[in-house]
Amino acid sequence: MQKIEMKVNPSFVDEQLSIAFFFEFLLLGKKIGEALVYTYAEHDSNICDLEEGRVALRKNKYARVHEFQVFDEYHEETSSQLSRFLQVIGIEQVEYQIYKAI
């Protein structure tokens, strides 16, 4: 089985204070799907640093998948690739809004 290639194009969105990632999934050079994911940082009320009298709030990172369209037979593998990418950049929580099978 051929490996699915994932291309990532990040951009910063000022109005939402987030980073948007546009993903393209390719198989043998042909597009089989795409996804649009926004990542956010949210301040937590839990204190995470008490070093030398300084107090800092922990930032929880999360992602919201706004669009995810892929041929149905590739959904599992592309979803796994997307999840691995988000884990690598430190995203702890992922919300899915839309998934459309092509």
C-alpha atoms as a PDB file:
ATOM      1  CA  MET A   1       0.000   0.000   0.000  1.00  0.00           C
ATOM      2  CA  GLN A   2       1.270   3.475  -0.892  1.00  0.00           C
ATOM      3  CA  LYS A   3       1.972   5.973   1.878  1.00  0.00           C
ATOM      4  CA  ILE A   4      -0.318   8.985   2.138  1.00  0.00           C
ATOM      5  CA  GLU A   5       1.552  12.287   2.027  1.00  0.00           C
ATOM      6  CA  MET A   6       0.394  15.107   4.305  1.00  0.00           C
ATOM      7  CA  LYS A   7       1.235  18.709   3.406  1.00  0.00           C
ATOM      8  CA  VAL A   8       0.805  21.357   6.098  1.00  0.00           C
ATOM      9  CA  ASN A   9       0.374  25.097   5.512  1.00  0.00           C
ATOM     10  CA  PRO A  10       0.230  27.141   8.763  1.00  0.00           C
ATOM     11  CA  SER A  11      -0.913  30.753   9.110  1.00  0.00           C
ATOM     12  CA  PHE A  12      -1.622  33.094  12.014  1.00  0.00           C
ATOM     13  CA  VAL A  13      -5.160  34.452  12.436  1.00  0.00           C
ATOM     14  CA  ASP A  14      -5.030  37.800  14.281  1.00  0.00           C
ATOM     15  CA  GLU A  15      -8.757  38.143  14.994  1.00  0.00           C
ATOM     16  CA  GLN A  16      -8.960  34.758  16.725  1.00  0.00           C
ATOM     17  CA  LEU A  17      -5.449  34.724  18.211  1.00  0.00           C
ATOM     18  CA  SER A  18      -4.964  31.282  16.753  1.00  0.00           C
ATOM     19  CA  ILE A  19      -2.856  29.385  14.283  1.00  0.00           C
ATOM     20  CA  ALA A  20      -4.721  27.857  11.373  1.00  0.00           C
ATOM     21  CA  PHE A  21      -3.320  24.753   9.711  1.00  0.00           C
ATOM     22  CA  PHE A  22      -4.492  23.760   6.261  1.00  0.00           C
ATOM     23  CA  PHE A  23      -3.728  20.097   5.525  1.00  0.00           C
ATOM     24  CA  GLU A  24      -3.712  18.410   2.131  1.00  0.00           C
ATOM     25  CA  PHE A  25      -3.598  14.632   1.890  1.00  0.00           C
ATOM     26  CA  LEU A  26      -2.072  13.194  -1.283  1.00  0.00           C
ATOM     27  CA  LEU A  27      -1.741   9.666  -2.624  1.00  0.00           C
ATOM     28  CA  LEU A  28       0.549   9.163  -5.628  1.00  0.00           C
ATOM     29  CA  GLY A  29       0.496  12.934  -6.176  1.00  0.00           C
ATOM     30  CA  LYS A  30      -3.302  13.163  -6.305  1.00  0.00           C
ATOM     31  CA  LYS A  31      -5.348  14.961  -3.682  1.00  0.00           C
ATOM     32  CA  ILE A  32      -7.519  12.604  -1.636  1.00  0.00           C
ATOM     33  CA  GLY A  33      -8.623  15.043   1.056  1.00  0.00           C
ATOM     34  CA  GLU A  34      -8.059  18.159   3.110  1.00  0.00           C
ATOM     35  CA  ALA A  35      -8.570  19.548   6.585  1.00  0.00           C
ATOM     36  CA  LEU A  36      -8.668  22.960   8.258  1.00  0.00           C
ATOM     37  CA  VAL A  37      -7.658  23.064  11.918  1.00  0.00           C
ATOM     38  CA  TYR A  38      -7.443  26.055  14.273  1.00  0.00           C
ATOM     39  CA  THR A  39      -5.251  25.832  17.379  1.00  0.00           C
ATOM     40  CA  TYR A  40      -5.759  27.956  20.487  1.00  0.00           C
ATOM     41  CA  ALA A  41      -4.106  28.518  23.856  1.00  0.00           C
ATOM     42  CA  GLU A  42      -6.413  28.847  26.843  1.00  0.00           C
ATOM     43  CA  HIS A  43      -5.267  30.002  30.269  1.00  0.00           C
ATOM     44  CA  ASP A  44      -6.006  27.564  33.045  1.00  0.00           C
ATOM     45  CA  SER A  45      -6.688  28.682  36.589  1.00  0.00           C
ATOM     46  CA  ASN A  46      -4.232  26.100  37.919  1.00  0.00           C
ATOM     47  CA  ILE A  47      -0.900  27.488  39.017  1.00  0.00           C
ATOM     48  CA  CYS A  48       1.981  25.681  37.370  1.00  0.00           C
ATOM     49  CA  ASP A  49       5.082  27.630  38.511  1.00  0.00           C
ATOM     50  CA  LEU A  50       5.889  28.822  41.997  1.00  0.00           C
ATOM     51  CA  GLU A  51       9.604  29.325  41.374  1.00  0.00           C
ATOM     52  CA  GLU A  52      11.110  32.313  43.246  1.00  0.00           C
ATOM     53  CA  GLY A  53       7.735  33.762  44.153  1.00  0.00           C
ATOM     54  CA  ARG A  54       6.530  34.029  40.562  1.00  0.00           C
ATOM     55  CA  VAL A  55       3.129  32.693  39.704  1.00  0.00           C
ATOM     56  CA  ALA A  56       2.190  31.631  36.207  1.00  0.00           C
ATOM     57  CA  LEU A  57      -0.993  30.266  34.764  1.00  0.00           C
ATOM     58  CA  ARG A  58      -0.739  27.118  32.711  1.00  0.00           C
ATOM     59  CA  LYS A  59      -1.768  27.416  29.063  1.00  0.00           C
ATOM     60  CA  ASN A  60      -3.794  24.524  27.749  1.00  0.00           C
ATOM     61  CA  LYS A  61      -3.536  24.106  24.003  1.00  0.00           C
ATOM     62  CA  TYR A  62      -6.467  22.751  22.060  1.00  0.00           C
ATOM     63  CA  ALA A  63      -7.511  22.402  18.443  1.00  0.00           C
ATOM     64  CA  ARG A  64     -10.807  22.670  16.631  1.00  0.00           C
ATOM     65  CA  VAL A  65     -11.130  20.803  13.337  1.00  0.00           C
ATOM     66  CA  HIS A  66     -13.359  23.078  11.243  1.00  0.00           C
ATOM     67  CA  GLU A  67     -13.279  21.006   8.080  1.00  0.00           C
ATOM     68  CA  PHE A  68     -12.145  17.473   7.371  1.00  0.00           C
ATOM     69  CA  GLN A  69     -12.952  16.069   3.942  1.00  0.00           C
ATOM     70  CA  VAL A  70     -11.345  12.886   2.695  1.00  0.00           C
ATOM     71  CA  PHE A  71     -12.276   9.827   0.665  1.00  0.00           C
ATOM     72  CA  ASP A  72     -13.946   7.428   3.070  1.00  0.00           C
ATOM     73  CA  GLU A  73     -11.454   4.584   2.576  1.00  0.00           C
ATOM     74  CA  TYR A  74      -8.589   6.872   3.711  1.00  0.00           C
ATOM     75  CA  HIS A  75     -10.352   8.416   6.716  1.00  0.00           C
ATOM     76  CA  GLU A  76      -8.717   6.253   9.370  1.00  0.00           C
ATOM     77  CA  GLU A  77      -5.151   6.764   8.147  1.00  0.00           C
ATOM     78  CA  THR A  78      -5.479  10.511   7.498  1.00  0.00           C
ATOM     79  CA  SER A  79      -7.197  11.041  10.847  1.00  0.00           C
ATOM     80  CA  SER A  80      -4.322   9.204  12.526  1.00  0.00           C
ATOM     81  CA  GLN A  81      -1.743  11.384  10.732  1.00  0.00           C
ATOM     82  CA  LEU A  82      -3.596  14.527  11.748  1.00  0.00           C
ATOM     83  CA  SER A  83      -3.793  13.389  15.391  1.00  0.00           C
ATOM     84  CA  ARG A  84      -0.075  12.556  15.483  1.00  0.00           C
ATOM     85  CA  PHE A  85       0.817  15.989  14.097  1.00  0.00           C
ATOM     86  CA  LEU A  86      -1.307  17.734  16.729  1.00  0.00           C
ATOM     87  CA  GLN A  87       0.275  15.658  19.520  1.00  0.00           C
ATOM     88  CA  VAL A  88       3.767  16.574  18.301  1.00  0.00           C
ATOM     89  CA  ILE A  89       2.990  20.305  18.548  1.00  0.00           C
ATOM     90  CA  GLY A  90       1.589  19.851  22.063  1.00  0.00           C
ATOM     91  CA  ILE A  91      -2.163  19.870  21.490  1.00  0.00           C
ATOM     92  CA  GLU A  92      -3.918  18.115  24.363  1.00  0.00           C
ATOM     93  CA  GLN A  93      -7.544  18.313  23.282  1.00  0.00           C
ATOM     94  CA  VAL A  94      -9.161  18.116  19.821  1.00  0.00           C
ATOM     95  CA  GLU A  95     -12.744  19.021  18.931  1.00  0.00           C
ATOM     96  CA  TYR A  96     -14.216  17.905  15.598  1.00  0.00           C
ATOM     97  CA  GLN A  97     -16.873  20.130  14.061  1.00  0.00           C
ATOM     98  CA  ILE A  98     -17.237  18.723  10.570  1.00  0.00           C
ATOM     99  CA  TYR A  99     -16.245  15.534   8.793  1.00  0.00           C
ATOM    100  CA  LYS A 100     -17.400  14.903   5.240  1.00  0.00           C
ATOM    101  CA  ALA A 101     -16.664  11.735   3.364  1.00  0.00           C
ATOM    102  CA  ILE A 102     -15.939  12.310  -0.296  1.00  0.00           C
END
